Structure formats: structure tokens, C-alpha cells
C-alpha atoms as a PDB file:
ATOM      1  CA  MET A   1      -8.908  17.441   4.835  1.00  0.00           C
ATOM      2  CA  TYR A   2      -8.713  16.335   1.335  1.00  0.00           C
ATOM      3  CA  VAL A   3     -10.788  13.454  -0.317  1.00  0.00           C
ATOM      4  CA  ASP A   4      -9.954  12.474  -3.644  1.00  0.00           C
ATOM      5  CA  ALA A   5      -7.821  15.543  -3.604  1.00  0.00           C
ATOM      6  CA  GLN A   6     -10.568  17.817  -3.306  1.00  0.00           C
ATOM      7  CA  ALA A   7     -10.188  20.454  -0.136  1.00  0.00           C
ATOM      8  CA  LEU A   8     -13.017  20.066   2.174  1.00  0.00           C
ATOM      9  CA  PRO A   9     -13.888  22.536   5.120  1.00  0.00           C
ATOM     10  CA  THR A  10     -12.533  20.940   8.371  1.00  0.00           C
ATOM     11  CA  THR A  11     -12.826  21.254  11.976  1.00  0.00           C
ATOM     12  CA  TYR A  12     -10.300  20.957  14.692  1.00  0.00           C
ATOM     13  CA  GLU A  13     -11.197  18.620  17.339  1.00  0.00           C
ATOM     14  CA  SER A  14      -8.229  17.745  18.821  1.00  0.00           C
ATOM     15  CA  ALA A  15      -4.357  17.561  18.768  1.00  0.00           C
ATOM     16  CA  SER A  16      -5.169  14.209  17.102  1.00  0.00           C
ATOM     17  CA  SER A  17      -8.865  14.243  15.096  1.00  0.00           C
ATOM     18  CA  VAL A  18     -10.392  16.472  12.723  1.00  0.00           C
ATOM     19  CA  THR A  19     -13.641  16.355  10.870  1.00  0.00           C
ATOM     20  CA  ALA A  20     -15.303  16.934   7.647  1.00  0.00           C
ATOM     21  CA  GLU A  21     -18.924  16.756   5.681  1.00  0.00           C
ATOM     22  CA  VAL A  22     -18.152  14.546   2.712  1.00  0.00           C
ATOM     23  CA  SER A  23     -20.974  15.496   0.265  1.00  0.00           C
ATOM     24  CA  ALA A  24     -22.546  13.217  -2.211  1.00  0.00           C
ATOM     25  CA  ALA A  25     -20.864  15.010  -4.806  1.00  0.00           C
ATOM     26  CA  GLU A  26     -17.455  13.916  -3.303  1.00  0.00           C
ATOM     27  CA  THR A  27     -18.425  10.507  -3.203  1.00  0.00           C
ATOM     28  CA  ALA A  28     -19.778  10.466  -7.165  1.00  0.00           C
ATOM     29  CA  GLU A  29     -16.863   8.686  -8.377  1.00  0.00           C
ATOM     30  CA  ALA A  30     -16.639   5.069  -7.318  1.00  0.00           C
ATOM     31  CA  GLY A  31     -13.441   3.845  -6.311  1.00  0.00           C
ATOM     32  CA  SER A  32     -11.036   3.772  -3.236  1.00  0.00           C
ATOM     33  CA  LEU A  33     -10.608   7.438  -2.674  1.00  0.00           C
ATOM     34  CA  ALA A  34      -7.247   8.730  -0.931  1.00  0.00           C
ATOM     35  CA  VAL A  35      -7.957  10.846   2.142  1.00  0.00           C
ATOM     36  CA  TYR A  36      -5.567  12.962   3.723  1.00  0.00           C
ATOM     37  CA  VAL A  37      -4.734  16.026   5.838  1.00  0.00           C
ATOM     38  CA  GLU A  38      -2.441  18.793   5.303  1.00  0.00           C
ATOM     39  CA  ASN A  39      -1.436  21.272   7.829  1.00  0.00           C
ATOM     40  CA  VAL A  40      -0.759  23.637   5.757  1.00  0.00           C
ATOM     41  CA  PRO A  41      -3.508  23.721   2.770  1.00  0.00           C
ATOM     42  CA  GLY A  42      -1.944  22.973  -0.714  1.00  0.00           C
ATOM     43  CA  ASP A  43       1.362  22.189   1.043  1.00  0.00           C
ATOM     44  CA  ALA A  44       2.237  18.514   0.099  1.00  0.00           C
ATOM     45  CA  THR A  45       5.348  18.683   2.411  1.00  0.00           C
ATOM     46  CA  THR A  46       2.955  19.038   5.458  1.00  0.00           C
ATOM     47  CA  ARG A  47       0.797  16.117   3.945  1.00  0.00           C
ATOM     48  CA  SER A  48      -0.172  13.140   6.488  1.00  0.00           C
ATOM     49  CA  ASN A  49      -0.384   9.650   5.473  1.00  0.00           C
ATOM     50  CA  VAL A  50      -3.024   8.483   3.125  1.00  0.00           C
ATOM     51  CA  LEU A  51      -6.108   6.760   4.366  1.00  0.00           C
ATOM     52  CA  TYR A  52      -8.667   5.110   1.784  1.00  0.00           C
ATOM     53  CA  LEU A  53     -12.574   5.426   1.514  1.00  0.00           C
ATOM     54  CA  GLN A  54     -14.098   3.036  -0.602  1.00  0.00           C
ATOM     55  CA  VAL A  55     -16.934   4.135  -2.572  1.00  0.00           C
ATOM     56  CA  ASP A  56     -19.165   1.271  -4.211  1.00  0.00           C
ATOM     57  CA  PRO A  57     -19.103   0.980  -7.842  1.00  0.00           C
ATOM     58  CA  ALA A  58     -22.662   0.432 -10.078  1.00  0.00           C
ATOM     59  CA  PRO A  59     -23.819  -2.685 -10.362  1.00  0.00           C
ATOM     60  CA  GLY A  60     -21.536  -4.776 -13.332  1.00  0.00           C
ATOM     61  CA  ALA A  61     -19.122  -1.869 -13.067  1.00  0.00           C
ATOM     62  CA  PRO A  62     -15.484  -3.172 -12.394  1.00  0.00           C
ATOM     63  CA  LEU A  63     -14.408  -3.299  -8.450  1.00  0.00           C
ATOM     64  CA  VAL A  64     -10.332  -2.914  -8.424  1.00  0.00           C
ATOM     65  CA  TYR A  65      -9.012  -5.209  -5.573  1.00  0.00           C
ATOM     66  CA  ASP A  66      -5.444  -4.665  -6.378  1.00  0.00           C
ATOM     67  CA  TYR A  67      -2.463  -4.587  -8.749  1.00  0.00           C
ATOM     68  CA  SER A  68       0.402  -7.071  -9.508  1.00  0.00           C
ATOM     69  CA  PRO A  69       2.558  -5.841  -8.726  1.00  0.00           C
ATOM     70  CA  ASP A  70       2.002  -2.655  -7.134  1.00  0.00           C
ATOM     71  CA  ASN A  71       4.676  -0.693  -8.541  1.00  0.00           C
ATOM     72  CA  GLY A  72       6.799  -0.398 -11.572  1.00  0.00           C
ATOM     73  CA  VAL A  73       8.293   1.962 -14.156  1.00  0.00           C
ATOM     74  CA  ALA A  74       7.660   2.443 -17.667  1.00  0.00           C
ATOM     75  CA  GLY A  75       7.804  -0.797 -19.973  1.00  0.00           C
ATOM     76  CA  ASP A  76       6.817  -2.939 -17.043  1.00  0.00           C
ATOM     77  CA  THR A  77       3.815  -5.073 -17.585  1.00  0.00           C
ATOM     78  CA  ILE A  78       1.430  -5.212 -14.647  1.00  0.00           C
ATOM     79  CA  LEU A  79      -1.871  -7.269 -13.953  1.00  0.00           C
ATOM     80  CA  ILE A  80      -4.849  -5.144 -12.827  1.00  0.00           C
ATOM     81  CA  ILE A  81      -6.989  -7.387 -10.661  1.00  0.00           C
ATOM     82  CA  ALA A  82     -10.669  -6.766 -10.570  1.00  0.00           C
ATOM     83  CA  SER A  83     -14.112  -7.953 -10.919  1.00  0.00           C
ATOM     84  CA  ASN A  84     -16.402  -7.538 -14.460  1.00  0.00           C
ATOM     85  CA  LEU A  85     -13.611  -7.393 -16.793  1.00  0.00           C
ATOM     86  CA  ALA A  86     -14.468 -10.291 -18.746  1.00  0.00           C
ATOM     87  CA  GLY A  87     -16.775  -9.385 -21.996  1.00  0.00           C
ATOM     88  CA  HIS A  88     -16.552  -5.860 -21.856  1.00  0.00           C
ATOM     89  CA  THR A  89     -14.630  -2.961 -23.906  1.00  0.00           C
ATOM     90  CA  LEU A  90     -12.403  -1.393 -21.068  1.00  0.00           C
ATOM     91  CA  THR A  91     -11.082   2.012 -20.518  1.00  0.00           C
ATOM     92  CA  ILE A  92      -7.831   1.968 -18.058  1.00  0.00           C
ATOM     93  CA  GLN A  93      -6.882   5.657 -17.069  1.00  0.00           C
ATOM     94  CA  ASP A  94      -3.807   6.608 -14.782  1.00  0.00           C
ATOM     95  CA  ALA A  95      -3.758   9.459 -12.386  1.00  0.00           C
ATOM     96  CA  ASP A  96      -3.152  11.896 -14.805  1.00  0.00           C
ATOM     97  CA  GLY A  97      -6.088  10.612 -17.488  1.00  0.00           C
ATOM     98  CA  THR A  98      -3.142   9.076 -19.409  1.00  0.00           C
ATOM     99  CA  THR A  99      -4.858   6.049 -21.401  1.00  0.00           C
ATOM    100  CA  LEU A 100      -3.128   2.569 -20.905  1.00  0.00           C
ATOM    101  CA  THR A 101      -3.802   0.104 -23.457  1.00  0.00           C
ATOM    102  CA  PRO A 102      -5.954  -2.908 -22.177  1.00  0.00           C
ATOM    103  CA  GLY A 103      -4.395  -6.290 -23.033  1.00  0.00           C
ATOM    104  CA  THR A 104      -5.347  -9.836 -22.034  1.00  0.00           C
ATOM    105  CA  VAL A 105      -8.330 -10.400 -19.769  1.00  0.00           C
ATOM    106  CA  SER A 106      -7.999 -13.652 -17.707  1.00  0.00           C
ATOM    107  CA  SER A 107      -9.035 -15.228 -14.481  1.00  0.00           C
ATOM    108  CA  LEU A 108      -7.318 -15.447 -11.368  1.00  0.00           C
ATOM    109  CA  SER A 109      -7.774 -16.634  -7.724  1.00  0.00           C
ATOM    110  CA  TRP A 110      -6.901 -13.874  -5.493  1.00  0.00           C
ATOM    111  CA  PRO A 111      -7.125 -13.745  -1.433  1.00  0.00           C
ATOM    112  CA  ASN A 112      -9.741 -12.282  -0.361  1.00  0.00           C
ATOM    113  CA  ALA A 113     -11.482 -11.595  -3.295  1.00  0.00           C
ATOM    114  CA  GLY A 114     -11.988 -15.417  -4.857  1.00  0.00           C
ATOM    115  CA  THR A 115     -11.834 -16.175  -8.345  1.00  0.00           C
ATOM    116  CA  THR A 116     -11.968 -12.586 -10.073  1.00  0.00           C
ATOM    117  CA  ASN A 117     -10.623 -11.108 -13.588  1.00  0.00           C
ATOM    118  CA  THR A 118      -7.196  -9.563 -14.466  1.00  0.00           C
ATOM    119  CA  VAL A 119      -6.265  -7.591 -17.221  1.00  0.00           C
ATOM    120  CA  GLU A 120      -2.396  -6.942 -18.457  1.00  0.00           C
ATOM    121  CA  VAL A 121      -1.076  -3.530 -19.048  1.00  0.00           C
ATOM    122  CA  VAL A 122       2.374  -2.230 -20.029  1.00  0.00           C
ATOM    123  CA  LEU A 123       3.206   0.771 -18.123  1.00  0.00           C
ATOM    124  CA  PRO A 124       3.812   3.831 -20.729  1.00  0.00           C
ATOM    125  CA  ASP A 125       6.299   6.680 -20.809  1.00  0.00           C
ATOM    126  CA  GLY A 126       5.389   9.124 -18.205  1.00  0.00           C
ATOM    127  CA  ILE A 127       3.031   6.822 -16.181  1.00  0.00           C
ATOM    128  CA  ALA A 128       1.992   8.751 -13.277  1.00  0.00           C
ATOM    129  CA  SER A 129       2.055   7.786  -9.265  1.00  0.00           C
ATOM    130  CA  GLY A 130      -1.387   7.548  -8.056  1.00  0.00           C
ATOM    131  CA  PRO A 131      -4.816   5.849  -8.746  1.00  0.00           C
ATOM    132  CA  ILE A 132      -5.429   3.812 -11.759  1.00  0.00           C
ATOM    133  CA  THR A 133      -8.913   3.856 -13.008  1.00  0.00           C
ATOM    134  CA  VAL A 134     -11.049   1.049 -15.056  1.00  0.00           C
ATOM    135  CA  SER A 135     -13.950   1.539 -16.480  1.00  0.00           C
ATOM    136  CA  ASN A 136     -16.746  -0.323 -18.875  1.00  0.00           C
ATOM    137  CA  THR A 137     -20.103   0.555 -20.074  1.00  0.00           C
ATOM    138  CA  SER A 138     -21.473  -0.298 -16.611  1.00  0.00           C
ATOM    139  CA  GLY A 139     -19.424   2.516 -14.649  1.00  0.00           C
ATOM    140  CA  SER A 140     -15.665   2.827 -13.430  1.00  0.00           C
ATOM    141  CA  PHE A 141     -13.976   2.484 -10.459  1.00  0.00           C
ATOM    142  CA  LYS A 142     -10.603   4.352  -8.957  1.00  0.00           C
ATOM    143  CA  GLY A 143      -7.966   1.903  -7.550  1.00  0.00           C
ATOM    144  CA  LYS A 144      -5.782   2.485  -4.876  1.00  0.00           C
ATOM    145  CA  ILE A 145      -2.179   4.122  -5.135  1.00  0.00           C
ATOM    146  CA  PHE A 146      -0.024   2.767  -7.650  1.00  0.00           C
ATOM    147  CA  SER A 147       3.804   3.410  -6.940  1.00  0.00           C
ATOM    148  CA  VAL A 148       5.686   4.650 -10.306  1.00  0.00           C
ATOM    149  CA  GLY A 149       9.599   3.537  -9.419  1.00  0.00           C
ATOM    150  CA  ASP A 150      11.680   0.809  -8.583  1.00  0.00           C
ATOM    151  CA  ASN A 151      11.332  -0.908  -5.139  1.00  0.00           C
ATOM    152  CA  LEU A 152      14.618  -0.056  -3.501  1.00  0.00           C
ATOM    153  CA  THR A 153      13.946  -3.909  -1.604  1.00  0.00           C
ATOM    154  CA  ARG A 154      14.453  -5.617  -4.740  1.00  0.00           C
ATOM    155  CA  ALA A 155      17.847  -4.092  -5.454  1.00  0.00           C
ATOM    156  CA  ALA A 156      21.062  -6.795  -5.681  1.00  0.00           C
ATOM    157  CA  GLY A 157      22.412  -7.135  -2.170  1.00  0.00           C
ATOM    158  CA  THR A 158      19.575  -6.231  -0.172  1.00  0.00           C
ATOM    159  CA  LEU A 159      19.210  -8.296   2.993  1.00  0.00           C
ATOM    160  CA  VAL A 160      15.676  -9.204   4.649  1.00  0.00           C
ATOM    161  CA  GLU A 161      15.699  -9.769   8.470  1.00  0.00           C
ATOM    162  CA  SER A 162      13.203 -10.605  11.041  1.00  0.00           C
ATOM    163  CA  SER A 163      12.585 -10.955  14.479  1.00  0.00           C
ATOM    164  CA  THR A 164      11.374 -14.772  13.884  1.00  0.00           C
ATOM    165  CA  GLU A 165       9.492 -16.157  10.604  1.00  0.00           C
ATOM    166  CA  TYR A 166       6.543 -18.860  10.829  1.00  0.00           C
ATOM    167  CA  ASN A 167       8.309 -21.027   8.313  1.00  0.00           C
ATOM    168  CA  THR A 168      10.977 -21.408   5.608  1.00  0.00           C
ATOM    169  CA  THR A 169       8.494 -21.522   2.798  1.00  0.00           C
ATOM    170  CA  ASN A 170       5.416 -20.043   1.795  1.00  0.00           C
ATOM    171  CA  TRP A 171       5.086 -17.298   4.912  1.00  0.00           C
ATOM    172  CA  SER A 172       8.514 -16.846   5.229  1.00  0.00           C
ATOM    173  CA  ARG A 173      10.103 -13.267   5.781  1.00  0.00           C
ATOM    174  CA  VAL A 174      11.720 -13.278   2.190  1.00  0.00           C
ATOM    175  CA  SER A 175       7.278 -13.158   1.212  1.00  0.00           C
ATOM    176  CA  GLY A 176       7.520  -9.369   2.842  1.00  0.00           C
ATOM    177  CA  ALA A 177       9.897  -7.842   0.602  1.00  0.00           C
ATOM    178  CA  ASP A 178       9.399 -10.039  -2.874  1.00  0.00           C
ATOM    179  CA  ASN A 179       7.299  -7.354  -4.819  1.00  0.00           C
ATOM    180  CA  SER A 180       3.989  -9.491  -4.581  1.00  0.00           C
ATOM    181  CA  LEU A 181       0.859  -9.073  -2.795  1.00  0.00           C
ATOM    182  CA  ALA A 182      -0.116 -12.527  -3.120  1.00  0.00           C
ATOM    183  CA  THR A 183       2.507 -13.945  -0.586  1.00  0.00           C
ATOM    184  CA  SER A 184       2.515 -12.982   2.716  1.00  0.00           C
ATOM    185  CA  PHE A 185       4.996 -12.849   5.787  1.00  0.00           C
ATOM    186  CA  PHE A 186       4.040 -14.213   9.379  1.00  0.00           C
ATOM    187  CA  THR A 187       5.709 -14.398  12.623  1.00  0.00           C
ATOM    188  CA  ALA A 188       6.588 -17.388  14.473  1.00  0.00           C
ATOM    189  CA  HIS A 189       4.287 -18.606  17.570  1.00  0.00           C
ATOM    190  CA  GLY A 190       4.747 -16.270  20.469  1.00  0.00           C
ATOM    191  CA  ASP A 191       6.019 -13.261  18.348  1.00  0.00           C
ATOM    192  CA  CYS A 192       3.511 -10.746  18.813  1.00  0.00           C
ATOM    193  CA  ALA A 193       3.077  -7.297  20.214  1.00  0.00           C
ATOM    194  CA  THR A 194      -0.498  -7.038  22.079  1.00  0.00           C
ATOM    195  CA  LEU A 195      -1.292 -10.684  23.490  1.00  0.00           C
ATOM    196  CA  THR A 196       0.470 -10.916  27.256  1.00  0.00           C
ATOM    197  CA  THR A 197       1.208 -14.759  26.501  1.00  0.00           C
ATOM    198  CA  CYS A 198       3.752 -13.285  23.806  1.00  0.00           C
ATOM    199  CA  THR A 199       7.459 -13.548  24.385  1.00  0.00           C
ATOM    200  CA  SER A 200       8.875 -11.318  21.964  1.00  0.00           C
ATOM    201  CA  VAL A 201       7.850  -8.219  19.645  1.00  0.00           C
ATOM    202  CA  PRO A 202       7.762  -8.402  15.840  1.00  0.00           C
ATOM    203  CA  TRP A 203      10.050  -6.437  13.815  1.00  0.00           C
ATOM    204  CA  PHE A 204      11.006  -6.486  10.057  1.00  0.00           C
ATOM    205  CA  GLN A 205      13.688  -4.851   8.473  1.00  0.00           C
ATOM    206  CA  ILE A 206      15.435  -4.395   4.923  1.00  0.00           C
ATOM    207  CA  THR A 207      19.184  -3.402   4.970  1.00  0.00           C
ATOM    208  CA  PHE A 208      20.604  -2.139   1.534  1.00  0.00           C
ATOM    209  CA  ALA A 209      23.443  -2.802   0.132  1.00  0.00           C
ATOM    210  CA  ASN A 210      24.473   1.019  -0.088  1.00  0.00           C
ATOM    211  CA  PRO A 211      23.194   3.722   1.014  1.00  0.00           C
ATOM    212  CA  GLN A 212      19.713   4.957  -0.368  1.00  0.00           C
ATOM    213  CA  ARG A 213      17.677   8.130  -0.841  1.00  0.00           C
ATOM    214  CA  VAL A 214      14.154   7.372   0.449  1.00  0.00           C
ATOM    215  CA  ALA A 215      10.985   9.693  -0.262  1.00  0.00           C
ATOM    216  CA  ARG A 216       8.410   6.960   0.051  1.00  0.00           C
ATOM    217  CA  ILE A 217       7.113   4.008   1.812  1.00  0.00           C
ATOM    218  CA  ALA A 218       4.262   1.705   0.784  1.00  0.00           C
ATOM    219  CA  PHE A 219       3.062  -1.108   3.695  1.00  0.00           C
ATOM    220  CA  ARG A 220       0.453  -3.833   2.544  1.00  0.00           C
ATOM    221  CA  GLY A 221      -1.437  -5.927   4.548  1.00  0.00           C
ATOM    222  CA  ASN A 222      -1.759  -9.603   4.139  1.00  0.00           C
ATOM    223  CA  ARG A 223      -4.285 -10.478   1.524  1.00  0.00           C
ATOM    224  CA  GLU A 224      -4.648 -14.113   2.927  1.00  0.00           C
ATOM    225  CA  TYR A 225      -6.696 -13.584   6.151  1.00  0.00           C
ATOM    226  CA  ALA A 226      -9.312 -11.145   6.275  1.00  0.00           C
ATOM    227  CA  SER A 227      -9.470 -10.562   9.716  1.00  0.00           C
ATOM    228  CA  GLY A 228      -7.183 -12.160  12.905  1.00  0.00           C
ATOM    229  CA  TYR A 229      -3.815 -11.886  11.881  1.00  0.00           C
ATOM    230  CA  ASP A 230      -3.150  -7.927  11.268  1.00  0.00           C
ATOM    231  CA  TYR A 231      -0.844  -5.490  12.512  1.00  0.00           C
ATOM    232  CA  LEU A 232      -2.747  -2.285  13.837  1.00  0.00           C
ATOM    233  CA  ARG A 233      -0.150  -0.057  14.838  1.00  0.00           C
ATOM    234  CA  VAL A 234       3.385   0.089  13.748  1.00  0.00           C
ATOM    235  CA  ARG A 235       6.696   2.378  14.169  1.00  0.00           C
ATOM    236  CA  PHE A 236       8.423   2.761  10.861  1.00  0.00           C
ATOM    237  CA  GLU A 237      12.372   3.688  11.007  1.00  0.00           C
ATOM    238  CA  LEU A 238      15.021   4.911   8.555  1.00  0.00           C
ATOM    239  CA  LEU A 239      18.413   3.924  10.041  1.00  0.00           C
ATOM    240  CA  GLY A 240      21.890   5.157   8.774  1.00  0.00           C
ATOM    241  CA  ALA A 241      25.319   4.158   9.754  1.00  0.00           C
ATOM    242  CA  GLY A 242      25.532   2.899  12.914  1.00  0.00           C
ATOM    243  CA  ALA A 243      22.044   2.239  13.344  1.00  0.00           C
ATOM    244  CA  SER A 244      21.606   5.842  14.069  1.00  0.00           C
ATOM    245  CA  VAL A 245      17.907   7.014  13.358  1.00  0.00           C
ATOM    246  CA  LEU A 246      17.269   9.208  10.666  1.00  0.00           C
ATOM    247  CA  TRP A 247      13.375   9.365  10.824  1.00  0.00           C
ATOM    248  CA  GLU A 248      10.927   7.623  12.592  1.00  0.00           C
ATOM    249  CA  GLY A 249       7.346   7.696  12.924  1.00  0.00           C
ATOM    250  CA  ASP A 250       4.282   5.625  14.503  1.00  0.00           C
ATOM    251  CA  TYR A 251       1.218   5.088  12.412  1.00  0.00           C
ATOM    252  CA  ASP A 252      -1.948   3.075  12.944  1.00  0.00           C
ATOM    253  CA  LEU A 253      -3.102   0.874  10.070  1.00  0.00           C
ATOM    254  CA  PRO A 254      -6.510   1.104   8.550  1.00  0.00           C
ATOM    255  CA  ALA A 255      -8.738  -1.449   7.990  1.00  0.00           C
ATOM    256  CA  PRO A 256      -9.890  -3.309   6.101  1.00  0.00           C
ATOM    257  CA  ASP A 257      -6.640  -4.133   4.187  1.00  0.00           C
ATOM    258  CA  ARG A 258      -4.295  -2.238   6.480  1.00  0.00           C
ATOM    259  CA  ASP A 259      -2.449  -0.643   3.871  1.00  0.00           C
ATOM    260  CA  LEU A 260      -0.590   2.288   4.310  1.00  0.00           C
ATOM    261  CA  ASP A 261       1.649   5.309   1.973  1.00  0.00           C
ATOM    262  CA  LEU A 262       3.795   7.492   3.373  1.00  0.00           C
ATOM    263  CA  THR A 263       5.424  10.207   1.430  1.00  0.00           C
ATOM    264  CA  PHE A 264       8.540  12.291   3.137  1.00  0.00           C
ATOM    265  CA  ALA A 265       8.541  15.856   3.044  1.00  0.00           C
ATOM    266  CA  GLU A 266      11.926  15.613   1.879  1.00  0.00           C
ATOM    267  CA  PRO A 267      13.672  12.481   0.926  1.00  0.00           C
ATOM    268  CA  VAL A 268      16.117  10.965   3.594  1.00  0.00           C
ATOM    269  CA  ASP A 269      19.190  10.710   2.596  1.00  0.00           C
ATOM    270  CA  ASP A 270      21.966   8.224   3.525  1.00  0.00           C
ATOM    271  CA  THR A 271      19.356   5.277   4.389  1.00  0.00           C
ATOM    272  CA  LEU A 272      20.842   2.007   4.892  1.00  0.00           C
ATOM    273  CA  SER A 273      17.857   0.278   6.680  1.00  0.00           C
ATOM    274  CA  VAL A 274      14.059   0.502   7.005  1.00  0.00           C
ATOM    275  CA  ARG A 275      12.902  -0.932   9.940  1.00  0.00           C
ATOM    276  CA  MET A 276       9.102  -1.686  10.912  1.00  0.00           C
ATOM    277  CA  THR A 277       8.389  -2.731  14.510  1.00  0.00           C
ATOM    278  CA  SER A 278       4.890  -3.759  15.896  1.00  0.00           C
ATOM    279  CA  LEU A 279       3.311  -1.892  18.663  1.00  0.00           C
ATOM    280  CA  ALA A 280      -0.319  -3.280  18.322  1.00  0.00           C
ATOM    281  CA  ASP A 281      -1.421  -6.330  16.414  1.00  0.00           C
ATOM    282  CA  GLU A 282      -4.525  -8.451  16.348  1.00  0.00           C
ATOM    283  CA  SER A 283      -3.311 -12.064  17.509  1.00  0.00           C
ATOM    284  CA  ASP A 284      -0.422 -14.559  17.599  1.00  0.00           C
ATOM    285  CA  GLU A 285       1.571 -14.411  14.417  1.00  0.00           C
ATOM    286  CA  PRO A 286       0.289 -11.291  12.691  1.00  0.00           C
ATOM    287  CA  GLY A 287       1.694 -10.622   8.999  1.00  0.00           C
ATOM    288  CA  PHE A 288       1.358  -8.499   6.101  1.00  0.00           C
ATOM    289  CA  SER A 289       2.061  -8.870   2.371  1.00  0.00           C
ATOM    290  CA  GLU A 290       4.828  -6.205   1.729  1.00  0.00           C
ATOM    291  CA  LEU A 291       6.964  -3.690   3.039  1.00  0.00           C
ATOM    292  CA  GLU A 292       8.080  -1.346  -0.386  1.00  0.00           C
ATOM    293  CA  VAL A 293      10.535   1.279  -0.307  1.00  0.00           C
ATOM    294  CA  PHE A 294      11.132   4.411  -3.297  1.00  0.00           C
ATOM    295  CA  GLY A 295      13.501   6.748  -4.021  1.00  0.00           C
ATOM    296  CA  PRO A 296      12.512  10.403  -5.043  1.00  0.00           C
END
């Protein structure tokens, strides 16, 4: 098991469970620390999906909630959404330690965080995928994974479909692939996997105009409701010509945000569609904020 890229002595408990003791040294740095398992230590092709262990920051230090958007390429401007930014001298670094120049600090009302701060950052050449760390004089906080690359769901001609949609305005299927964590997609009444009163099972599908080479998927839980409307377990499928299944996997979505990052051992060629199907959800009308897809 790895916590924040540090290998820990790991005990095999069962085919679906391992344990490791996390020392104070491993949690000395505040942030959303990435946790994953590798079947072959040091071999990233055997790596599991990423979960997060949050270590709370020192009083007055930043706490990074999200990025808006949480993906991009060099030259793009993003917002880092965090507390304790205003009135401070900030240091911002990417996963490789490259310094990013902070821009304008503003206020913003963010789902589940209330009124908080944002700071603009222009992504430099060579920006690395991974957590972005924000520091002030009181301390630092390492955010979740920031994905470097073009979100393929935004490509021209992409079709977004779903089993149902709550409405055609603020909680529509379009909101599940609009590259914005501030918006959410919810199903219509009666569309859920767990309640016996529901009459259909939710699914959400992104179909590309042309075959794509898919290397990563990022699923982002809805930010608008802290509990009560989450997906708990889902199946992801990469589909090719004739809806053939090129790859599939079932995953539990970790609390509290239900965010999940998947990196494939080898990119999946000739992908025409990415489909998500609910296997378990909290209640009627479950939702999420974003399904993102990236190439190598």
C-alpha cells in the first residue's frame, strides 16, 4: 500500500482487503493524500484506483476543496478553491514541485464549502498531473489529483446520453459532462439501483465522434448535496464498435466526495463510448458532478 507515494509495510487480509499502519511521519503533511495498492510494488501498471486520506491543515493554513476545472493543459487558467487565501502571500506548486504563479484572489460560494476563496493560476509548460499544493505562512495543504490533458468529453461531436435526467436545465445530463464541478447531473424520480420502489437503473454514457485512445477516467461526485443523493458503487465500461466491451470494472466510490481516479495499465484503443452504470446508490434521484475521460 502507498500513502502519498510512500510505500508502507502491508498485510494481506483477504482477496479484497489489505491493511497497513500509517505512522505520524506519513501524515505530517496536510492534504488529501492519495492512497493506492500495487500488486507488484513499484509497477504502476498493477496499481489500483486512488482513494484519499485527508489530513487536516494547521489553523490558518489553506484547505483546498477543488479546482475549477480540475483538468487542463499548459496555458489554461484555472481556479484553485480553498480557504485562507485572502490577505496571504501564497506559494503554489504542482506534483513535481514546479512553482505556479498565483494570480487574483477572489471570493466564491462553492457547493458544500460555503463562501470561500479562489486564486487564479495559469498552467505553465510542463505542468504535471497530480496534486497541487498551496501554502501560506501558517502551513500548506496538498489538494487532490489535477489531471493534465484534454478532457475528451469536450471534443466536438461528443454525444451525452443517460437513462433519465432530473430536468433539462440545471440538473440535466449535460451537467455530467460540462467540465464543471459546480454543476451536477441527477436522474429523474424512480431511476435508482438500490431502492425497491425504483423502476429503472441509472446509466450515463459519453459517445465520441471518432474512436479515442483512453488512458484515464476521473469520476467526481456531486458537490451540491453532502449526503442523500450519491452513487455508492458503479460499473465503468469502455465500448468499441457495435457496443463491444473493450474493458470493464466495478468500483466502490469513497466517502465523502465519491471521487474516483482510474488509470489503465495500457491505454484502451478504439474506444467509442464510456458508460457508467449504477450498482448501488443512496436514494432516489442519485447524481454526480462530472465524468471525465483523458488520453495518454
